């Protein structure tokens, strides 16, 4: 029952994050969504991944979003979606389907075939991909902060001003 409530909370807060008209409010809803995802991951029995999701998803990403919004401004121009609906809707359905399989498997309702058990062992027990993901996220975060703090002027213009 708690799994279902957490899943509904994730769905509701993610919809609020998408539908919010102000970017800062959307970033806060995204942080709440990430915290609920971390809670669900913890409940599913992966406390290390839950801590990573909480620190990176609810912490680092939110701080970077707020920092970028404060620098760039909160101009909410009417922009067209970058991903067509024909791609976005199947991707969302696939994501919810995979999440449902994980929840049902952890509850003991369904059993995975042998090939999926091997993939599950690689992803959840050996933790090689977790380490690679953390390295990539830290690297992307550092590059993002450096990009935000860099000057817009080329090096030649900066030398001419001096």
N, C-alpha and C. Protein backbone atom coordinates (compact mmCIF):
# COMPACT_ATOMS: atom_id res chain seq x y z
N UNK A 1 0.82 -1.19 0.00
CA UNK A 1 0.00 0.00 0.00
C UNK A 1 0.87 1.27 0.00
N UNK A 2 1.97 1.23 0.78
CA UNK A 2 2.86 2.39 0.85
C UNK A 2 3.56 2.60 -0.49
N UNK A 3 3.84 1.48 -1.22
CA UNK A 3 4.43 1.59 -2.55
C UNK A 3 3.50 2.36 -3.48
N UNK A 4 2.23 2.03 -3.42
CA UNK A 4 1.25 2.67 -4.30
C UNK A 4 1.12 4.15 -3.96
N UNK A 5 1.06 4.48 -2.67
CA UNK A 5 0.96 5.89 -2.27
C UNK A 5 2.19 6.68 -2.72
N UNK A 6 3.35 6.08 -2.57
CA UNK A 6 4.58 6.75 -3.01
C UNK A 6 4.58 6.93 -4.52
N UNK A 7 4.15 5.91 -5.26
CA UNK A 7 4.06 6.01 -6.71
C UNK A 7 3.09 7.08 -7.16
N UNK A 8 1.94 7.17 -6.49
CA UNK A 8 0.96 8.21 -6.82
C UNK A 8 1.54 9.59 -6.49
N UNK A 9 2.26 9.70 -5.37
CA UNK A 9 2.90 10.97 -5.02
C UNK A 9 3.93 11.38 -6.06
N UNK A 10 4.70 10.41 -6.56
CA UNK A 10 5.68 10.70 -7.61
C UNK A 10 4.98 11.21 -8.86
N UNK A 11 3.90 10.54 -9.23
CA UNK A 11 3.16 10.94 -10.42
C UNK A 11 2.58 12.34 -10.27
N UNK A 12 1.97 12.62 -9.13
CA UNK A 12 1.32 13.93 -8.91
C UNK A 12 2.36 15.05 -8.88
N UNK A 13 3.46 14.86 -8.15
CA UNK A 13 4.46 15.92 -8.06
C UNK A 13 5.18 16.13 -9.39
N UNK A 14 5.35 15.06 -10.17
CA UNK A 14 5.99 15.24 -11.49
C UNK A 14 5.05 15.98 -12.43
N UNK A 15 3.76 15.75 -12.33
CA UNK A 15 2.81 16.51 -13.15
C UNK A 15 2.83 17.98 -12.73
N UNK A 16 2.88 18.24 -11.43
CA UNK A 16 2.98 19.63 -10.96
C UNK A 16 4.26 20.29 -11.47
N UNK A 17 5.37 19.53 -11.51
CA UNK A 17 6.63 20.09 -12.00
C UNK A 17 6.53 20.45 -13.48
N UNK A 18 5.82 19.64 -14.24
CA UNK A 18 5.68 19.91 -15.67
C UNK A 18 4.70 21.05 -15.92
N UNK A 19 3.62 21.11 -15.17
CA UNK A 19 2.55 22.06 -15.44
C UNK A 19 2.76 23.44 -14.80
N UNK A 20 3.74 23.58 -13.93
CA UNK A 20 3.96 24.85 -13.26
C UNK A 20 4.38 25.93 -14.26
N UNK A 21 3.86 27.13 -14.08
CA UNK A 21 4.18 28.23 -14.99
C UNK A 21 5.48 28.94 -14.60
N UNK A 22 5.89 28.84 -13.35
CA UNK A 22 7.13 29.48 -12.89
C UNK A 22 8.23 28.43 -12.79
N UNK A 23 9.40 28.77 -13.28
CA UNK A 23 10.50 27.82 -13.34
C UNK A 23 11.01 27.44 -11.94
N UNK A 24 11.08 28.40 -11.02
CA UNK A 24 11.56 28.08 -9.67
C UNK A 24 10.61 27.12 -8.96
N UNK A 25 9.31 27.35 -9.10
CA UNK A 25 8.34 26.44 -8.49
C UNK A 25 8.46 25.05 -9.12
N UNK A 26 8.67 25.01 -10.42
CA UNK A 26 8.85 23.74 -11.11
C UNK A 26 10.09 23.00 -10.60
N UNK A 27 11.16 23.72 -10.33
CA UNK A 27 12.38 23.10 -9.79
C UNK A 27 12.13 22.53 -8.40
N UNK A 28 11.33 23.21 -7.59
CA UNK A 28 11.01 22.70 -6.26
C UNK A 28 10.17 21.43 -6.36
N UNK A 29 9.18 21.43 -7.26
CA UNK A 29 8.37 20.22 -7.46
C UNK A 29 9.23 19.06 -7.96
N UNK A 30 10.21 19.36 -8.80
CA UNK A 30 11.12 18.33 -9.28
C UNK A 30 11.95 17.76 -8.13
N UNK A 31 12.35 18.60 -7.19
CA UNK A 31 13.10 18.13 -6.02
C UNK A 31 12.24 17.22 -5.15
N UNK A 32 10.97 17.58 -4.99
CA UNK A 32 10.05 16.74 -4.21
C UNK A 32 9.85 15.40 -4.92
N UNK A 33 9.71 15.44 -6.23
CA UNK A 33 9.58 14.20 -7.00
C UNK A 33 10.80 13.31 -6.81
N UNK A 34 11.97 13.89 -6.87
CA UNK A 34 13.19 13.13 -6.70
C UNK A 34 13.31 12.55 -5.29
N UNK A 35 12.87 13.30 -4.29
CA UNK A 35 12.89 12.79 -2.92
C UNK A 35 11.94 11.60 -2.77
N UNK A 36 10.78 11.68 -3.41
CA UNK A 36 9.84 10.55 -3.36
C UNK A 36 10.38 9.34 -4.12
N UNK A 37 11.08 9.58 -5.22
CA UNK A 37 11.72 8.47 -5.95
C UNK A 37 12.78 7.82 -5.06
N UNK A 38 13.54 8.63 -4.34
CA UNK A 38 14.54 8.08 -3.42
C UNK A 38 13.87 7.24 -2.33
N UNK A 39 12.73 7.71 -1.82
CA UNK A 39 11.99 6.94 -0.83
C UNK A 39 11.53 5.60 -1.40
N UNK A 40 11.02 5.61 -2.62
CA UNK A 40 10.56 4.37 -3.25
C UNK A 40 11.72 3.41 -3.48
N UNK A 41 12.85 3.93 -3.91
CA UNK A 41 14.03 3.08 -4.12
C UNK A 41 14.48 2.48 -2.79
N UNK A 42 14.42 3.26 -1.72
CA UNK A 42 14.78 2.75 -0.40
C UNK A 42 13.82 1.63 0.02
N UNK A 43 12.54 1.86 -0.20
CA UNK A 43 11.54 0.84 0.15
C UNK A 43 11.70 -0.44 -0.67
N UNK A 44 12.22 -0.30 -1.88
CA UNK A 44 12.44 -1.47 -2.73
C UNK A 44 13.71 -2.23 -2.35
N UNK A 45 14.47 -1.70 -1.39
CA UNK A 45 15.61 -2.45 -0.87
C UNK A 45 16.96 -2.04 -1.40
N UNK A 46 17.09 -0.83 -1.92
CA UNK A 46 18.38 -0.35 -2.42
C UNK A 46 18.73 0.96 -1.72
N UNK A 47 19.15 0.88 -0.45
CA UNK A 47 19.41 2.12 0.30
C UNK A 47 20.56 2.95 -0.26
N UNK A 48 21.57 2.31 -0.83
CA UNK A 48 22.69 3.07 -1.38
C UNK A 48 22.26 3.90 -2.58
N UNK A 49 21.46 3.31 -3.43
CA UNK A 49 20.96 4.03 -4.60
C UNK A 49 20.01 5.13 -4.18
N UNK A 50 19.24 4.87 -3.12
CA UNK A 50 18.31 5.89 -2.62
C UNK A 50 19.07 7.12 -2.13
N UNK A 51 20.18 6.90 -1.45
CA UNK A 51 20.98 8.03 -0.98
C UNK A 51 21.58 8.79 -2.15
N UNK A 52 22.02 8.07 -3.17
CA UNK A 52 22.57 8.73 -4.36
C UNK A 52 21.49 9.55 -5.05
N UNK A 53 20.29 8.97 -5.20
CA UNK A 53 19.19 9.70 -5.83
C UNK A 53 18.82 10.94 -5.02
N UNK A 54 18.80 10.81 -3.71
CA UNK A 54 18.45 11.95 -2.87
C UNK A 54 19.50 13.05 -2.97
N UNK A 55 20.77 12.66 -2.93
CA UNK A 55 21.83 13.68 -2.95
C UNK A 55 21.97 14.32 -4.33
N UNK A 56 21.89 13.53 -5.38
CA UNK A 56 22.08 14.07 -6.72
C UNK A 56 20.78 14.65 -7.26
N UNK A 57 19.71 13.87 -7.22
CA UNK A 57 18.44 14.30 -7.80
C UNK A 57 17.80 15.45 -7.06
N UNK A 58 17.63 15.30 -5.74
CA UNK A 58 16.97 16.35 -4.98
C UNK A 58 17.93 17.45 -4.55
N UNK A 59 19.22 17.15 -4.50
CA UNK A 59 20.18 18.14 -4.04
C UNK A 59 20.89 18.87 -5.16
N UNK A 60 21.80 18.19 -5.81
CA UNK A 60 22.67 18.82 -6.82
C UNK A 60 21.87 19.38 -7.99
N UNK A 61 20.96 18.59 -8.54
CA UNK A 61 20.20 19.04 -9.71
C UNK A 61 19.34 20.25 -9.36
N UNK A 62 18.72 20.24 -8.19
CA UNK A 62 17.88 21.37 -7.80
C UNK A 62 18.71 22.64 -7.62
N UNK A 63 19.86 22.50 -6.99
CA UNK A 63 20.73 23.66 -6.81
C UNK A 63 21.18 24.21 -8.16
N UNK A 64 21.54 23.32 -9.09
CA UNK A 64 21.96 23.78 -10.41
C UNK A 64 20.81 24.45 -11.16
N UNK A 65 19.60 23.89 -11.06
CA UNK A 65 18.44 24.52 -11.72
C UNK A 65 18.17 25.90 -11.15
N UNK A 66 18.16 26.03 -9.84
CA UNK A 66 17.88 27.33 -9.22
C UNK A 66 18.97 28.32 -9.60
N UNK A 67 20.21 27.88 -9.59
CA UNK A 67 21.32 28.75 -9.97
C UNK A 67 21.18 29.20 -11.42
N UNK A 68 20.88 28.28 -12.32
CA UNK A 68 20.74 28.62 -13.74
C UNK A 68 19.53 29.53 -13.97
N UNK A 69 18.44 29.28 -13.27
CA UNK A 69 17.25 30.13 -13.42
C UNK A 69 17.53 31.54 -12.93
N UNK A 70 18.26 31.65 -11.82
CA UNK A 70 18.59 32.98 -11.31
C UNK A 70 19.51 33.74 -12.25
N UNK A 71 20.41 33.05 -12.92
CA UNK A 71 21.31 33.72 -13.85
C UNK A 71 20.59 34.07 -15.15
N UNK A 72 19.86 33.12 -15.70
CA UNK A 72 19.23 33.32 -17.01
C UNK A 72 17.94 34.11 -16.94
N UNK A 73 17.30 34.14 -15.78
CA UNK A 73 16.02 34.81 -15.66
C UNK A 73 14.88 33.83 -15.86
N UNK A 74 13.72 34.27 -15.48
CA UNK A 74 12.57 33.36 -15.53
C UNK A 74 11.61 33.77 -16.64
N UNK A 75 12.15 34.02 -17.80
CA UNK A 75 11.33 34.38 -18.95
C UNK A 75 10.71 33.10 -19.50
N UNK A 76 9.41 32.99 -19.39
CA UNK A 76 8.72 31.78 -19.84
C UNK A 76 8.06 32.03 -21.19
N UNK A 77 8.87 32.05 -22.22
CA UNK A 77 8.36 32.23 -23.58
C UNK A 77 7.64 30.96 -24.01
N UNK A 78 6.71 31.11 -24.90
CA UNK A 78 5.99 29.96 -25.43
C UNK A 78 6.88 29.23 -26.43
N UNK A 79 7.47 28.15 -26.00
CA UNK A 79 8.35 27.37 -26.86
C UNK A 79 7.66 26.07 -27.24
N UNK A 80 7.98 25.58 -28.41
CA UNK A 80 7.45 24.30 -28.84
C UNK A 80 8.20 23.18 -28.15
N UNK A 81 7.54 22.06 -27.89
CA UNK A 81 8.23 20.93 -27.27
C UNK A 81 9.36 20.41 -28.15
N UNK A 82 10.45 19.99 -27.53
CA UNK A 82 11.59 19.49 -28.28
C UNK A 82 11.42 18.03 -28.68
N UNK A 83 10.61 17.29 -27.93
CA UNK A 83 10.39 15.88 -28.21
C UNK A 83 8.96 15.72 -28.73
N UNK A 84 8.80 15.12 -29.90
CA UNK A 84 7.45 14.94 -30.44
C UNK A 84 6.62 14.00 -29.56
N UNK A 85 5.31 14.20 -29.57
CA UNK A 85 4.43 13.36 -28.75
C UNK A 85 4.53 11.90 -29.12
N UNK A 86 4.79 11.60 -30.38
CA UNK A 86 4.91 10.21 -30.82
C UNK A 86 6.08 9.49 -30.19
N UNK A 87 7.05 10.23 -29.70
CA UNK A 87 8.19 9.64 -29.00
C UNK A 87 8.01 9.72 -27.49
N UNK A 88 7.47 10.84 -27.02
CA UNK A 88 7.35 11.07 -25.58
C UNK A 88 6.35 10.12 -24.92
N UNK A 89 5.20 9.94 -25.53
CA UNK A 89 4.17 9.11 -24.91
C UNK A 89 4.62 7.64 -24.79
N UNK A 90 5.18 7.02 -25.84
CA UNK A 90 5.67 5.65 -25.64
C UNK A 90 6.80 5.57 -24.61
N UNK A 91 7.65 6.59 -24.54
CA UNK A 91 8.73 6.57 -23.55
C UNK A 91 8.18 6.61 -22.13
N UNK A 92 7.15 7.44 -21.91
CA UNK A 92 6.53 7.51 -20.59
C UNK A 92 5.84 6.19 -20.25
N UNK A 93 5.13 5.62 -21.20
CA UNK A 93 4.45 4.34 -20.97
C UNK A 93 5.47 3.24 -20.67
N UNK A 94 6.57 3.23 -21.40
CA UNK A 94 7.63 2.24 -21.15
C UNK A 94 8.22 2.42 -19.75
N UNK A 95 8.45 3.67 -19.35
CA UNK A 95 8.99 3.94 -18.02
C UNK A 95 8.06 3.47 -16.91
N UNK A 96 6.77 3.78 -17.05
CA UNK A 96 5.81 3.33 -16.05
C UNK A 96 5.70 1.81 -16.05
N UNK A 97 5.77 1.20 -17.22
CA UNK A 97 5.72 -0.26 -17.29
C UNK A 97 6.89 -0.91 -16.58
N UNK A 98 8.09 -0.37 -16.81
CA UNK A 98 9.27 -0.91 -16.14
C UNK A 98 9.21 -0.70 -14.63
N UNK A 99 8.71 0.46 -14.21
CA UNK A 99 8.56 0.71 -12.77
C UNK A 99 7.56 -0.26 -12.17
N UNK A 100 6.49 -0.54 -12.88
CA UNK A 100 5.49 -1.49 -12.40
C UNK A 100 6.07 -2.89 -12.28
N UNK A 101 6.90 -3.30 -13.24
CA UNK A 101 7.55 -4.61 -13.18
C UNK A 101 8.46 -4.69 -11.96
N UNK A 102 9.22 -3.63 -11.69
CA UNK A 102 10.12 -3.63 -10.53
C UNK A 102 9.33 -3.74 -9.23
N UNK A 103 8.24 -2.99 -9.12
CA UNK A 103 7.43 -3.03 -7.90
C UNK A 103 6.78 -4.40 -7.73
N UNK A 104 6.22 -4.96 -8.80
CA UNK A 104 5.57 -6.27 -8.72
C UNK A 104 6.58 -7.37 -8.42
N UNK A 105 7.78 -7.25 -8.98
CA UNK A 105 8.82 -8.25 -8.70
C UNK A 105 9.27 -8.18 -7.24
N UNK A 106 9.43 -6.96 -6.72
CA UNK A 106 9.88 -6.84 -5.34
C UNK A 106 8.80 -7.30 -4.36
N UNK A 107 7.54 -7.19 -4.76
CA UNK A 107 6.45 -7.66 -3.92
C UNK A 107 6.25 -9.18 -4.03
N UNK A 108 6.94 -9.83 -4.97
CA UNK A 108 6.83 -11.27 -5.13
C UNK A 108 5.63 -11.70 -5.96
N UNK A 109 5.02 -10.79 -6.64
CA UNK A 109 3.83 -11.12 -7.44
C UNK A 109 4.22 -11.76 -8.76
N UNK A 110 5.31 -11.29 -9.38
CA UNK A 110 5.77 -11.88 -10.63
C UNK A 110 7.22 -12.30 -10.49
N UNK A 111 7.64 -13.23 -11.33
CA UNK A 111 9.03 -13.67 -11.38
C UNK A 111 9.59 -13.32 -12.75
N UNK A 112 10.84 -12.92 -12.77
CA UNK A 112 11.48 -12.54 -14.04
C UNK A 112 12.07 -13.76 -14.72
N UNK A 113 12.10 -13.75 -16.06
CA UNK A 113 12.80 -14.83 -16.77
C UNK A 113 14.30 -14.79 -16.48
N UNK A 114 14.99 -15.82 -16.87
CA UNK A 114 16.41 -15.97 -16.54
C UNK A 114 17.25 -14.82 -17.11
N UNK A 115 17.02 -14.41 -18.34
CA UNK A 115 17.82 -13.35 -18.94
C UNK A 115 17.66 -12.04 -18.17
N UNK A 116 16.43 -11.74 -17.74
CA UNK A 116 16.21 -10.52 -16.98
C UNK A 116 16.82 -10.61 -15.58
N UNK A 117 16.90 -11.79 -15.02
CA UNK A 117 17.56 -11.94 -13.72
C UNK A 117 19.05 -11.64 -13.84
N UNK A 118 19.65 -12.03 -14.96
CA UNK A 118 21.07 -11.74 -15.17
C UNK A 118 21.29 -10.24 -15.29
N UNK A 119 20.44 -9.57 -16.05
CA UNK A 119 20.55 -8.11 -16.18
C UNK A 119 20.31 -7.45 -14.83
N UNK A 120 19.35 -7.96 -14.06
CA UNK A 120 19.08 -7.42 -12.73
C UNK A 120 20.28 -7.58 -11.81
N UNK A 121 20.96 -8.71 -11.91
CA UNK A 121 22.15 -8.91 -11.08
C UNK A 121 23.25 -7.92 -11.44
N UNK A 122 23.43 -7.67 -12.73
CA UNK A 122 24.45 -6.72 -13.17
C UNK A 122 24.11 -5.32 -12.68
N UNK A 123 22.83 -4.92 -12.79
CA UNK A 123 22.44 -3.56 -12.45
C UNK A 123 22.36 -3.34 -10.94
N UNK A 124 21.84 -4.30 -10.18
CA UNK A 124 21.53 -4.05 -8.78
C UNK A 124 22.51 -4.67 -7.80
N UNK A 125 23.24 -5.72 -8.19
CA UNK A 125 24.10 -6.37 -7.22
C UNK A 125 25.58 -6.07 -7.41
N UNK A 126 26.02 -5.92 -8.65
CA UNK A 126 27.44 -5.68 -8.87
C UNK A 126 27.81 -4.22 -8.79
N UNK A 127 26.90 -3.31 -9.02
CA UNK A 127 27.04 -1.87 -8.82
C UNK A 127 28.09 -1.19 -9.71
N UNK A 128 28.52 -1.83 -10.78
CA UNK A 128 29.47 -1.18 -11.67
C UNK A 128 28.83 0.01 -12.38
N UNK A 129 27.59 -0.18 -12.82
CA UNK A 129 26.92 0.90 -13.53
C UNK A 129 26.60 2.07 -12.60
N UNK A 130 26.37 1.79 -11.32
CA UNK A 130 26.12 2.87 -10.36
C UNK A 130 27.35 3.76 -10.23
N UNK A 131 28.49 3.14 -10.13
CA UNK A 131 29.73 3.90 -10.02
C UNK A 131 29.97 4.74 -11.27
N UNK A 132 29.76 4.15 -12.44
CA UNK A 132 29.92 4.88 -13.69
C UNK A 132 28.94 6.04 -13.78
N UNK A 133 27.69 5.81 -13.36
CA UNK A 133 26.68 6.87 -13.39
C UNK A 133 27.07 8.01 -12.45
N UNK A 134 27.56 7.71 -11.27
CA UNK A 134 27.96 8.76 -10.34
C UNK A 134 29.13 9.58 -10.88
N UNK A 135 30.08 8.91 -11.51
CA UNK A 135 31.21 9.63 -12.10
C UNK A 135 30.71 10.56 -13.21
N UNK A 136 29.81 10.07 -14.05
CA UNK A 136 29.29 10.90 -15.13
C UNK A 136 28.47 12.07 -14.59
N UNK A 137 27.67 11.86 -13.53
CA UNK A 137 26.87 12.94 -12.97
C UNK A 137 27.73 14.01 -12.33
N UNK A 138 28.77 13.60 -11.61
CA UNK A 138 29.66 14.58 -11.00
C UNK A 138 30.39 15.37 -12.08
N UNK A 139 30.86 14.67 -13.12
CA UNK A 139 31.54 15.35 -14.22
C UNK A 139 30.61 16.32 -14.93
N UNK A 140 29.36 15.89 -15.18
CA UNK A 140 28.39 16.78 -15.84
C UNK A 140 28.05 17.97 -14.95
N UNK A 141 27.95 17.75 -13.65
CA UNK A 141 27.68 18.86 -12.73
C UNK A 141 28.80 19.88 -12.71
N UNK A 142 30.03 19.41 -12.69
CA UNK A 142 31.18 20.32 -12.71
C UNK A 142 31.22 21.09 -14.02
N UNK A 143 31.00 20.40 -15.14
CA UNK A 143 30.99 21.10 -16.43
C UNK A 143 29.84 22.09 -16.51
N UNK A 144 28.70 21.75 -15.94
CA UNK A 144 27.57 22.67 -15.95
C UNK A 144 27.85 23.92 -15.15
N UNK A 145 28.45 23.76 -13.98
CA UNK A 145 28.79 24.93 -13.15
C UNK A 145 29.85 25.77 -13.85
N UNK A 146 30.85 25.13 -14.44
CA UNK A 146 31.87 25.89 -15.17
C UNK A 146 31.25 26.63 -16.36
N UNK A 147 30.30 26.01 -17.03
CA UNK A 147 29.62 26.68 -18.14
C UNK A 147 28.80 27.86 -17.67
N UNK A 148 28.16 27.73 -16.51
CA UNK A 148 27.37 28.83 -15.97
C UNK A 148 28.24 29.99 -15.52
N UNK A 149 29.42 29.68 -15.02
CA UNK A 149 30.29 30.73 -14.50
C UNK A 149 31.21 31.34 -15.55
N UNK A 150 31.25 30.74 -16.73
CA UNK A 150 32.16 31.25 -17.76
C UNK A 150 31.62 32.55 -18.34
N UNK A 151 32.51 33.31 -18.91
CA UNK A 151 32.14 34.59 -19.51
C UNK A 151 31.59 34.36 -20.91
N UNK A 152 30.72 35.25 -21.34
CA UNK A 152 30.16 35.17 -22.69
C UNK A 152 31.13 35.72 -23.73
N UNK A 153 32.09 36.51 -23.30
CA UNK A 153 33.00 37.16 -24.23
C UNK A 153 34.13 36.21 -24.62
N UNK A 154 34.53 36.24 -25.88
CA UNK A 154 35.70 35.45 -26.29
C UNK A 154 36.97 35.99 -25.64
N UNK A 155 38.02 35.21 -25.68
CA UNK A 155 39.28 35.58 -25.03
C UNK A 155 39.89 36.83 -25.64
N UNK A 156 39.74 37.04 -26.97
CA UNK A 156 40.32 38.23 -27.62
C UNK A 156 39.68 39.50 -27.11
N UNK A 157 38.35 39.49 -26.93
CA UNK A 157 37.66 40.69 -26.43
C UNK A 157 38.08 41.01 -25.01
N UNK A 158 38.29 39.97 -24.20
CA UNK A 158 38.70 40.21 -22.82
C UNK A 158 40.10 40.80 -22.75
N UNK A 159 41.00 40.36 -23.67
CA UNK A 159 42.37 40.90 -23.68
C UNK A 159 42.36 42.35 -24.15
N UNK A 160 41.48 42.69 -25.11
CA UNK A 160 41.42 44.07 -25.60
C UNK A 160 40.91 45.03 -24.53
N UNK A 161 40.04 44.57 -23.66
CA UNK A 161 39.51 45.43 -22.60
C UNK A 161 40.57 45.77 -21.57
N UNK A 162 41.52 44.85 -21.36
CA UNK A 162 42.56 45.06 -20.36
C UNK A 162 43.57 46.00 -20.93
